[in-house]
N, C-alpha and C. Protein backbone atom coordinates (compact mmCIF):
# COMPACT_ATOMS: atom_id res chain seq x y z
N UNK A 1 -4.10 -8.37 67.78
CA UNK A 1 -2.80 -9.50 67.79
C UNK A 1 -3.58 -10.44 67.01
N UNK A 2 -2.31 -10.92 66.35
CA UNK A 2 -3.20 -12.29 65.67
C UNK A 2 -1.81 -13.46 65.99
N UNK A 3 -2.37 -14.48 66.30
CA UNK A 3 -1.56 -15.93 66.62
C UNK A 3 -1.44 -16.58 64.71
N UNK A 4 -0.02 -17.41 65.28
CA UNK A 4 -0.34 -18.16 64.05
C UNK A 4 0.03 -19.38 64.17
N UNK A 5 -0.70 -20.38 64.53
CA UNK A 5 -0.89 -21.34 64.86
C UNK A 5 -0.67 -23.02 64.08
N UNK A 6 0.33 -23.80 64.58
CA UNK A 6 1.07 -25.04 63.48
C UNK A 6 0.15 -26.42 64.42
N UNK A 7 -0.79 -26.80 63.43
CA UNK A 7 -1.27 -28.05 64.62
C UNK A 7 -1.04 -29.22 63.35
N UNK A 8 -0.63 -30.36 63.85
CA UNK A 8 0.12 -31.57 63.97
C UNK A 8 -0.88 -33.07 64.48
N UNK A 9 -0.27 -33.58 63.77
CA UNK A 9 -1.26 -34.97 64.76
C UNK A 9 -0.22 -36.36 64.83
N UNK A 10 -0.33 -36.58 65.96
CA UNK A 10 0.91 -37.75 66.57
C UNK A 10 0.28 -39.48 65.60
N UNK A 11 -1.40 -38.96 64.74
CA UNK A 11 -1.36 -40.55 64.03
C UNK A 11 -1.30 -40.30 62.38
N UNK A 12 -1.15 -38.95 61.66
CA UNK A 12 -0.74 -39.33 60.71
C UNK A 12 0.40 -37.82 60.48
N UNK A 13 1.60 -38.71 60.32
CA UNK A 13 2.93 -37.60 59.82
C UNK A 13 2.67 -36.81 58.85
N UNK A 14 1.87 -36.86 57.80
CA UNK A 14 2.19 -36.00 57.22
C UNK A 14 0.54 -35.11 57.24
N UNK A 15 0.44 -34.89 57.72
CA UNK A 15 -0.76 -33.79 58.14
C UNK A 15 -0.19 -32.99 59.09
N UNK A 16 -0.25 -31.46 58.08
CA UNK A 16 -0.18 -29.93 58.66
C UNK A 16 -0.93 -29.17 58.43
N UNK A 17 -1.62 -28.63 59.70
CA UNK A 17 -2.78 -27.46 59.03
C UNK A 17 -1.60 -26.65 60.17
N UNK A 18 -2.11 -25.11 59.54
CA UNK A 18 -1.83 -23.83 59.53
C UNK A 18 -2.82 -22.87 59.57
N UNK A 19 -3.05 -22.11 60.86
CA UNK A 19 -4.81 -21.34 61.27
C UNK A 19 -3.69 -19.77 62.15
N UNK A 20 -4.29 -19.07 61.16
CA UNK A 20 -4.27 -17.79 61.77
C UNK A 20 -5.31 -17.28 62.60
N UNK A 21 -5.67 -16.62 63.68
CA UNK A 21 -6.61 -16.20 64.58
C UNK A 21 -6.20 -15.11 65.15
N UNK A 22 -7.32 -14.33 65.56
CA UNK A 22 -7.31 -12.98 66.27
C UNK A 22 -7.19 -13.21 67.47
N UNK A 23 -6.08 -12.77 68.55
CA UNK A 23 -6.36 -12.99 70.24
C UNK A 23 -7.67 -12.57 70.46
N UNK A 24 -8.60 -12.11 69.91
CA UNK A 24 -10.13 -11.92 70.52
C UNK A 24 -11.19 -12.83 70.21
N UNK A 25 -10.82 -13.58 68.91
CA UNK A 25 -11.73 -14.92 68.61
C UNK A 25 -11.69 -16.15 69.72
N UNK A 26 -12.53 -16.96 70.01
CA UNK A 26 -12.94 -17.17 70.90
C UNK A 26 -12.07 -18.98 70.80
N UNK A 27 -11.96 -19.82 71.83
CA UNK A 27 -12.07 -21.26 70.97
C UNK A 27 -13.20 -22.29 70.18
N UNK A 28 -14.45 -21.61 70.58
CA UNK A 28 -14.97 -22.00 69.88
C UNK A 28 -14.71 -21.80 68.06
N UNK A 29 -14.68 -20.52 68.17
CA UNK A 29 -13.98 -20.12 66.35
C UNK A 29 -12.76 -20.97 66.35
N UNK A 30 -12.37 -20.84 66.84
CA UNK A 30 -11.29 -22.00 66.58
C UNK A 30 -11.16 -23.26 66.49
N UNK A 31 -11.98 -23.97 67.10
CA UNK A 31 -12.77 -25.38 66.77
C UNK A 31 -13.67 -25.42 65.53
N UNK A 32 -14.33 -24.19 64.82
CA UNK A 32 -14.96 -24.24 64.05
C UNK A 32 -14.44 -24.09 62.62
N UNK A 33 -12.98 -23.58 62.90
CA UNK A 33 -11.91 -23.49 62.02
C UNK A 33 -11.21 -24.42 61.32
N UNK A 34 -11.39 -25.79 62.84
CA UNK A 34 -10.21 -27.27 62.56
C UNK A 34 -11.21 -27.98 62.16
N UNK A 35 -12.94 -28.01 62.79
CA UNK A 35 -13.40 -28.95 62.38
C UNK A 35 -13.99 -28.61 60.57
N UNK A 36 -13.91 -27.51 59.99
CA UNK A 36 -13.73 -27.18 58.47
C UNK A 36 -12.76 -27.40 57.79
N UNK A 37 -11.90 -27.22 58.58
CA UNK A 37 -10.85 -27.34 57.38
C UNK A 37 -10.30 -29.07 57.42
N UNK A 38 -10.83 -30.04 58.51
CA UNK A 38 -10.31 -31.57 58.95
C UNK A 38 -11.29 -32.04 58.42
N UNK A 39 -12.92 -31.45 58.31
CA UNK A 39 -13.94 -32.04 56.99
C UNK A 39 -14.75 -33.51 58.51
N UNK A 40 -14.53 -32.58 59.87
CA UNK A 40 -15.15 -33.58 60.93
C UNK A 40 -16.59 -33.18 61.06
N UNK A 41 -17.43 -34.34 61.41
CA UNK A 41 -18.79 -33.54 62.18
C UNK A 41 -18.88 -32.89 62.76
N UNK A 42 -19.65 -31.87 63.02
CA UNK A 42 -19.45 -30.77 63.83
C UNK A 42 -20.10 -31.26 65.35
N UNK A 43 -20.78 -32.15 65.32
CA UNK A 43 -22.25 -32.66 66.39
C UNK A 43 -21.42 -33.63 67.19
N UNK A 44 -19.93 -33.86 66.57
CA UNK A 44 -19.32 -34.51 67.77
C UNK A 44 -18.59 -33.24 69.03
N UNK A 45 -18.55 -34.24 69.86
CA UNK A 45 -17.94 -33.46 70.99
C UNK A 45 -16.52 -33.34 70.96
N UNK A 46 -16.36 -32.09 71.41
CA UNK A 46 -14.36 -31.71 71.39
C UNK A 46 -14.22 -30.68 72.84
N UNK A 47 -13.00 -30.62 72.71
CA UNK A 47 -12.21 -29.74 73.89
C UNK A 47 -10.91 -29.56 73.49
N UNK A 48 -10.15 -28.60 74.23
CA UNK A 48 -9.07 -27.77 74.45
C UNK A 48 -8.57 -28.18 75.71
N UNK A 49 -6.97 -28.40 75.75
CA UNK A 49 -6.72 -27.86 76.61
C UNK A 49 -5.36 -27.71 76.69
N UNK A 50 -4.98 -26.03 77.31
CA UNK A 50 -3.57 -26.11 77.62
C UNK A 50 -2.56 -27.13 78.22
N UNK A 51 -1.17 -26.75 77.37
CA UNK A 51 -0.03 -28.17 77.61
C UNK A 51 0.70 -27.30 77.71
N UNK A 52 1.57 -28.04 78.79
CA UNK A 52 2.65 -27.91 79.04
C UNK A 52 3.82 -28.47 77.95
N UNK A 53 5.37 -28.19 77.95
CA UNK A 53 6.53 -28.31 77.56
C UNK A 53 6.45 -29.73 76.69
N UNK A 54 5.72 -30.42 77.63
CA UNK A 54 6.02 -32.08 77.38
C UNK A 54 4.23 -32.26 76.96
N UNK A 55 3.58 -31.39 76.31
CA UNK A 55 2.27 -31.87 75.76
C UNK A 55 1.90 -32.72 76.97
N UNK A 56 1.73 -32.32 78.44
CA UNK A 56 0.66 -32.84 79.51
C UNK A 56 -0.09 -31.88 79.47
N UNK A 57 -1.81 -32.35 79.22
CA UNK A 57 -2.91 -31.82 79.72
C UNK A 57 -2.90 -30.65 80.86
N UNK A 58 -3.05 -29.53 80.98
CA UNK A 58 -3.38 -29.19 82.08
C UNK A 58 -4.99 -28.28 82.05
N UNK A 59 -5.08 -27.48 82.10
CA UNK A 59 -6.78 -26.71 82.27
C UNK A 59 -7.35 -26.71 80.78
N UNK A 60 -8.74 -26.97 81.26
CA UNK A 60 -9.87 -27.36 79.97
C UNK A 60 -10.55 -26.31 79.91
N UNK A 61 -10.95 -26.49 78.39
CA UNK A 61 -11.93 -25.49 77.77
C UNK A 61 -12.38 -25.97 77.31
N UNK A 62 -13.79 -26.62 77.32
CA UNK A 62 -15.03 -27.20 77.12
C UNK A 62 -16.01 -26.73 76.49
N UNK A 63 -17.12 -27.27 75.33
CA UNK A 63 -18.08 -27.25 74.29
C UNK A 63 -19.11 -26.44 75.23
N UNK A 64 -19.54 -27.79 76.46
CA UNK A 64 -20.57 -27.31 77.56
C UNK A 64 -19.99 -27.03 79.00
N UNK A 65 -21.29 -26.51 80.13
CA UNK A 65 -20.77 -26.88 81.48
C UNK A 65 -20.90 -27.80 81.93
N UNK A 66 -20.01 -28.56 82.67
CA UNK A 66 -20.17 -29.99 83.34
C UNK A 66 -20.87 -29.65 84.45
N UNK A 67 -22.21 -30.00 84.75
CA UNK A 67 -23.22 -29.87 85.84
C UNK A 67 -22.63 -29.98 86.89
N UNK A 68 -21.78 -31.68 86.73
CA UNK A 68 -21.28 -32.56 87.60
C UNK A 68 -20.29 -31.79 88.71
N UNK A 69 -18.89 -31.03 88.05
CA UNK A 69 -18.38 -29.87 89.01
C UNK A 69 -18.94 -29.29 89.74
N UNK A 70 -19.22 -29.16 90.80
CA UNK A 70 -19.55 -27.95 91.70
C UNK A 70 -18.45 -27.22 91.74
N UNK A 71 -17.08 -27.72 92.30
CA UNK A 71 -16.57 -26.46 93.36
C UNK A 71 -15.66 -25.91 91.87
N UNK A 72 -15.67 -25.91 90.31
CA UNK A 72 -14.79 -25.20 89.88
C UNK A 72 -15.91 -24.89 88.71
N UNK A 73 -15.79 -23.59 88.58
CA UNK A 73 -16.58 -23.56 87.11
C UNK A 73 -15.75 -23.93 85.77
N UNK A 74 -16.09 -24.59 84.95
CA UNK A 74 -15.17 -24.57 83.91
C UNK A 74 -15.17 -23.88 82.89
N UNK A 75 -13.93 -23.41 82.01
CA UNK A 75 -14.25 -22.09 81.12
C UNK A 75 -14.34 -22.76 79.72
N UNK A 76 -15.42 -21.72 79.10
CA UNK A 76 -16.83 -22.73 78.24
C UNK A 76 -15.57 -21.83 76.78
N UNK A 77 -15.79 -22.91 75.70
CA UNK A 77 -14.69 -22.73 74.01
C UNK A 77 -15.84 -20.93 73.90
N UNK A 78 -17.07 -21.32 73.74
CA UNK A 78 -17.64 -19.47 72.94
C UNK A 78 -17.58 -18.45 74.20
N UNK A 79 -16.94 -18.40 75.22
CA UNK A 79 -16.73 -17.54 76.31
C UNK A 79 -15.72 -17.11 76.33
N UNK A 80 -14.62 -18.00 76.22
CA UNK A 80 -12.61 -17.76 76.67
C UNK A 80 -12.66 -17.45 75.22
N UNK A 81 -11.68 -16.19 75.14
CA UNK A 81 -11.15 -15.74 73.26
C UNK A 81 -9.41 -16.51 73.74
N UNK A 82 -8.40 -16.33 72.68
CA UNK A 82 -7.65 -16.96 72.81
C UNK A 82 -6.66 -16.58 73.58
N UNK A 83 -6.59 -14.52 73.84
CA UNK A 83 -5.44 -14.03 74.36
C UNK A 83 -5.87 -14.02 75.25
N UNK A 84 -6.82 -14.69 76.09
CA UNK A 84 -6.79 -14.57 77.54
C UNK A 84 -6.39 -15.99 78.23
N UNK A 85 -6.17 -16.42 77.27
CA UNK A 85 -4.90 -18.50 77.53
C UNK A 85 -3.58 -18.00 77.03
N UNK A 86 -3.90 -17.78 75.99
CA UNK A 86 -2.57 -17.84 74.94
C UNK A 86 -1.56 -15.93 75.53
N UNK A 87 -0.40 -16.27 75.88
CA UNK A 87 0.47 -15.43 75.81
C UNK A 87 1.68 -14.91 75.46
N UNK A 88 2.39 -16.37 75.18
CA UNK A 88 3.40 -16.36 74.39
C UNK A 88 3.55 -17.28 73.74
N UNK A 89 4.80 -16.88 72.45
CA UNK A 89 4.87 -17.86 71.77
C UNK A 89 5.12 -19.29 71.93
N UNK A 90 5.10 -20.00 71.38
CA UNK A 90 5.39 -21.44 71.79
C UNK A 90 4.37 -21.95 72.70
N UNK A 91 3.61 -21.71 72.87
CA UNK A 91 2.10 -22.10 74.36
C UNK A 91 1.57 -23.13 73.32
N UNK A 92 0.87 -24.15 73.99
CA UNK A 92 1.14 -25.27 72.94
C UNK A 92 -0.66 -25.33 73.82
N UNK A 93 -1.32 -26.02 72.44
CA UNK A 93 -2.73 -26.70 73.32
C UNK A 93 -2.93 -28.00 72.46
N UNK A 94 -3.75 -28.88 73.15
CA UNK A 94 -4.14 -29.84 73.03
C UNK A 94 -5.77 -29.98 72.26
N UNK A 95 -6.19 -30.53 71.53
CA UNK A 95 -7.58 -30.00 70.79
C UNK A 95 -7.82 -31.70 70.50
N UNK A 96 -8.98 -32.19 71.19
CA UNK A 96 -9.49 -33.45 71.39
C UNK A 96 -10.18 -33.49 70.63
N UNK A 97 -10.77 -33.76 69.19
CA UNK A 97 -11.25 -33.88 68.68
C UNK A 97 -12.69 -34.86 68.98
N UNK A 98 -12.31 -36.17 69.02
CA UNK A 98 -12.65 -37.34 69.13
C UNK A 98 -12.38 -37.44 70.46
N UNK A 99 -13.72 -37.08 71.56
CA UNK A 99 -13.56 -37.58 73.21
C UNK A 99 -14.11 -38.09 73.55
N UNK A 100 -14.81 -39.23 72.95
CA UNK A 100 -14.53 -41.11 73.58
C UNK A 100 -13.70 -42.00 72.80
N UNK A 101 -12.45 -41.73 71.85
CA UNK A 101 -12.00 -42.47 71.54
C UNK A 101 -10.22 -41.61 71.57
N UNK A 102 -10.44 -40.54 72.33
CA UNK A 102 -9.29 -39.91 72.71
C UNK A 102 -8.44 -39.72 71.64
N UNK A 103 -8.57 -39.28 70.38
CA UNK A 103 -8.13 -38.68 69.94
C UNK A 103 -8.19 -37.23 69.39
N UNK A 104 -7.13 -37.18 69.32
CA UNK A 104 -6.24 -35.16 69.41
C UNK A 104 -5.06 -34.97 68.34
N UNK A 105 -5.55 -33.75 68.48
CA UNK A 105 -4.47 -32.86 67.62
C UNK A 105 -3.59 -31.58 68.15
N UNK A 106 -2.44 -31.37 68.40
CA UNK A 106 -1.50 -30.64 68.89
C UNK A 106 -0.97 -29.15 68.19
N UNK A 107 -1.48 -28.36 68.78
CA UNK A 107 -1.40 -27.14 68.43
C UNK A 107 -0.65 -26.20 69.52
N UNK A 108 0.74 -25.32 68.67
CA UNK A 108 1.59 -24.99 68.92
C UNK A 108 1.41 -23.45 68.30
N UNK A 109 1.52 -22.18 69.42
CA UNK A 109 1.34 -20.93 68.72
C UNK A 109 2.63 -20.84 68.54
N UNK A 110 3.13 -20.47 66.75
CA UNK A 110 4.52 -20.02 66.27
C UNK A 110 4.97 -18.53 66.43
N UNK A 111 3.99 -17.94 66.25
CA UNK A 111 4.21 -16.58 65.82
C UNK A 111 3.01 -15.69 66.61
N UNK A 112 3.21 -14.41 67.00
CA UNK A 112 2.13 -13.73 67.38
C UNK A 112 2.71 -12.36 66.32
N UNK A 113 1.68 -12.06 66.00
CA UNK A 113 1.84 -10.61 65.05
C UNK A 113 0.79 -9.55 65.81
N UNK A 114 2.12 -8.29 66.75
CA UNK A 114 1.02 -7.05 67.10
C UNK A 114 0.04 -6.51 66.18
N UNK A 115 0.97 -6.11 65.13
CA UNK A 115 0.15 -5.23 64.67
C UNK A 115 -0.95 -5.51 63.55
N UNK A 116 -1.76 -7.01 63.52
CA UNK A 116 -2.77 -7.48 62.51
C UNK A 116 -4.03 -7.75 63.26
N UNK A 117 -4.98 -7.89 62.42
CA UNK A 117 -6.44 -8.11 63.05
C UNK A 117 -6.80 -9.05 62.05
N UNK A 118 -7.89 -9.77 62.67
CA UNK A 118 -8.54 -10.79 61.80
C UNK A 118 -9.82 -10.85 62.43
N UNK A 119 -11.13 -10.71 61.91
CA UNK A 119 -12.56 -10.96 62.22
C UNK A 119 -12.43 -12.36 62.61
N UNK A 120 -12.10 -13.52 61.90
CA UNK A 120 -13.01 -15.01 62.35
C UNK A 120 -10.82 -15.38 61.82
N UNK A 121 -10.90 -16.74 61.90
CA UNK A 121 -9.67 -17.94 61.94
C UNK A 121 -9.63 -17.81 60.81
N UNK A 122 -8.74 -18.07 60.04
CA UNK A 122 -8.37 -18.21 58.47
C UNK A 122 -7.52 -19.47 58.20
N UNK A 123 -7.49 -20.30 57.50
CA UNK A 123 -6.59 -21.16 57.52
C UNK A 123 -5.53 -20.69 56.21
N UNK A 124 -4.28 -20.79 56.64
CA UNK A 124 -3.58 -20.65 56.25
C UNK A 124 -2.64 -21.45 55.19
N UNK A 125 -2.44 -22.88 55.52
CA UNK A 125 -1.92 -23.87 54.78
C UNK A 125 -2.48 -25.21 55.17
N UNK A 126 -2.44 -26.44 54.52
CA UNK A 126 -3.11 -27.49 55.04
C UNK A 126 -2.41 -28.22 54.01
N UNK A 127 -1.93 -29.63 54.25
CA UNK A 127 -1.18 -30.66 53.78
C UNK A 127 -1.24 -32.00 54.36
N UNK A 128 -2.10 -32.71 53.64
CA UNK A 128 -2.00 -34.25 54.31
C UNK A 128 -3.62 -34.02 54.59
N UNK A 129 -3.89 -35.70 54.69
CA UNK A 129 -5.20 -36.26 55.65
C UNK A 129 -5.23 -35.64 56.81
N UNK A 130 -6.47 -35.14 57.42
CA UNK A 130 -6.71 -35.03 58.82
C UNK A 130 -7.24 -36.51 59.47
N UNK A 131 -6.58 -36.65 60.59
CA UNK A 131 -6.56 -38.49 61.10
C UNK A 131 -8.33 -38.63 61.46
N UNK A 132 -8.40 -39.47 61.21
CA UNK A 132 -10.14 -39.84 60.66
C UNK A 132 -10.53 -39.75 62.08
N UNK A 133 -12.22 -38.87 62.46
CA UNK A 133 -12.61 -38.84 63.55
C UNK A 133 -13.67 -39.91 63.44
N UNK A 134 -14.01 -40.83 65.12
CA UNK A 134 -14.37 -41.90 64.27
C UNK A 134 -16.27 -41.00 65.03
N UNK A 135 -17.21 -41.74 64.44
CA UNK A 135 -18.40 -41.11 64.79
C UNK A 135 -19.18 -42.08 65.72
N UNK A 136 -19.70 -41.57 66.84
CA UNK A 136 -20.21 -42.45 67.89
C UNK A 136 -21.68 -43.58 67.36
N UNK A 137 -22.02 -42.34 66.49
CA UNK A 137 -23.20 -43.32 66.13
C UNK A 137 -23.17 -43.69 64.78
N UNK A 138 -22.28 -44.13 64.14
CA UNK A 138 -21.71 -45.40 63.45
C UNK A 138 -20.84 -46.61 63.73
N UNK A 139 -21.31 -48.05 63.26
CA UNK A 139 -20.94 -48.82 63.28
C UNK A 139 -19.30 -49.42 63.06
N UNK A 140 -18.24 -49.65 63.94
CA UNK A 140 -17.39 -50.06 63.71
C UNK A 140 -17.35 -51.36 62.22
N UNK A 141 -16.90 -51.44 61.97
CA UNK A 141 -17.34 -52.60 60.25
C UNK A 141 -16.70 -54.00 61.29
N UNK A 142 -15.23 -53.75 61.69
CA UNK A 142 -14.46 -54.61 62.47
C UNK A 142 -15.24 -55.17 63.18
N UNK A 143 -16.32 -54.40 63.52
CA UNK A 143 -17.27 -55.30 64.90
C UNK A 143 -18.00 -56.03 64.62
N UNK A 144 -18.23 -56.23 63.43
CA UNK A 144 -19.76 -56.78 62.85
C UNK A 144 -19.38 -58.58 63.07
N UNK A 145 -19.96 -59.42 62.83
CA UNK A 145 -19.19 -60.57 62.58
C UNK A 145 -19.64 -60.94 61.18
N UNK A 146 -19.02 -61.90 60.45
CA UNK A 146 -18.57 -62.56 59.34
C UNK A 146 -19.53 -63.43 59.46
N UNK A 147 -20.05 -64.20 58.38
CA UNK A 147 -20.83 -65.55 58.11
C UNK A 147 -20.01 -66.28 58.53
N UNK A 148 -18.73 -66.30 58.33
CA UNK A 148 -17.68 -67.73 58.02
C UNK A 148 -16.77 -67.63 59.62
N UNK A 149 -16.86 -66.24 60.30
CA UNK A 149 -16.20 -66.53 61.89
C UNK A 149 -16.72 -67.81 62.33
N UNK A 150 -15.35 -67.59 63.12
CA UNK A 150 -15.72 -68.10 64.47
C UNK A 150 -17.08 -68.58 65.52
N UNK A 151 -16.94 -66.89 66.12
CA UNK A 151 -18.08 -66.39 66.75
C UNK A 151 -19.33 -67.11 66.04
N UNK A 152 -19.76 -66.75 64.52
CA UNK A 152 -20.78 -67.50 64.21
C UNK A 152 -21.42 -68.30 64.00
N UNK A 153 -20.26 -69.44 64.33
CA UNK A 153 -20.02 -71.03 63.73
C UNK A 153 -20.50 -71.67 65.09
N UNK A 154 -20.26 -70.92 66.34
CA UNK A 154 -20.64 -71.33 67.66
C UNK A 154 -22.69 -71.63 67.43
N UNK A 155 -23.23 -70.86 66.93
CA UNK A 155 -24.38 -70.70 66.81
C UNK A 155 -24.89 -72.16 66.07
N UNK A 156 -24.17 -72.75 65.33
CA UNK A 156 -24.46 -73.86 64.30
C UNK A 156 -24.17 -74.64 64.40
N UNK A 157 -23.58 -75.32 65.49
CA UNK A 157 -22.87 -75.74 65.92
C UNK A 157 -23.72 -77.42 66.41
N UNK A 158 -25.19 -76.78 66.98
CA UNK A 158 -25.75 -77.60 67.38
C UNK A 158 -26.76 -77.41 66.46
N UNK A 159 -26.53 -77.71 64.59
CA UNK A 159 -27.75 -78.30 64.07
C UNK A 159 -28.58 -76.78 62.98
N UNK A 160 -28.85 -77.32 62.02
CA UNK A 160 -29.86 -76.68 61.86
C UNK A 160 -31.14 -76.65 62.56
N UNK A 161 -32.02 -75.86 61.98
CA UNK A 161 -33.57 -75.36 62.84
C UNK A 161 -34.17 -77.19 62.49
N UNK A 162 -34.30 -76.94 60.99
CA UNK A 162 -35.00 -78.67 60.83
C UNK A 162 -34.81 -79.52 61.43
N UNK A 163 -33.49 -79.72 61.63
CA UNK A 163 -32.96 -80.96 62.70
C UNK A 163 -33.10 -81.30 63.72
N UNK A 164 -33.36 -79.53 64.41
CA UNK A 164 -33.61 -79.58 66.13
C UNK A 164 -35.58 -80.00 65.90
N UNK A 165 -35.86 -79.60 64.95
CA UNK A 165 -37.77 -79.53 64.88
C UNK A 165 -37.84 -81.15 64.74
N UNK A 166 -36.90 -81.96 63.71
CA UNK A 166 -37.65 -83.80 63.87
C UNK A 166 -36.97 -83.89 64.80
N UNK A 167 -35.99 -83.60 66.00
CA UNK A 167 -35.75 -84.11 67.39
C UNK A 167 -36.72 -84.12 68.59
N UNK A 168 -37.06 -82.93 68.58
CA UNK A 168 -38.06 -81.98 69.44
C UNK A 168 -39.50 -81.65 69.11
N UNK A 169 -39.67 -81.79 67.72
CA UNK A 169 -40.89 -81.24 67.34
C UNK A 169 -40.81 -79.99 67.03
N UNK A 170 -42.34 -79.65 66.58
CA UNK A 170 -42.57 -78.35 66.29
C UNK A 170 -42.44 -77.33 67.39
N UNK A 171 -42.61 -76.31 67.32
CA UNK A 171 -42.83 -75.71 69.20
C UNK A 171 -43.74 -75.27 68.78
N UNK A 172 -45.34 -75.24 68.07
CA UNK A 172 -46.62 -75.41 68.16
C UNK A 172 -46.97 -75.61 68.68
N UNK A 173 -46.52 -77.36 68.73
CA UNK A 173 -47.61 -78.61 69.08
C UNK A 173 -46.92 -78.61 70.51
N UNK A 174 -45.79 -78.20 71.16
CA UNK A 174 -45.29 -78.30 72.54
C UNK A 174 -46.93 -77.53 73.33
N UNK A 175 -46.81 -76.02 72.71
CA UNK A 175 -47.76 -75.37 73.70
C UNK A 175 -49.39 -75.79 73.15
């Protein structure tokens, strides 16, 4: 049985991705296909959620087991097949590809083809640029201080180092 998914974004209007995947493929295999198609850094955390008709998050399928929750055993991407959780056309998933900044893609199961099989997920259509993945190990250029910014001027309002040395003397002389 093959699932035909449509993937869209709420941040980039013209982005559309169609993925075909077998019911026996895992959520991790679907995750990898999305990562490759969108050119995302695969070292970043991601997670899936089963969503209801209004796109509200439900059951989570994670990359790794969360040891802090002892009362319920989470579903893991590598161990959970698509067919285990997806049963009906129009079932919905939310794929959070940037967990820290809560950036997600919205996946809808558009069609189920009963008499087909696939070994691994296949991208059948890719249009537009995927939403940008924020990488936690890179600096945000908006946060870097510009030489002429007000914030930078706060530190130079007291004068240049040479002026302070004339008033207070050299640091070495005091010690």
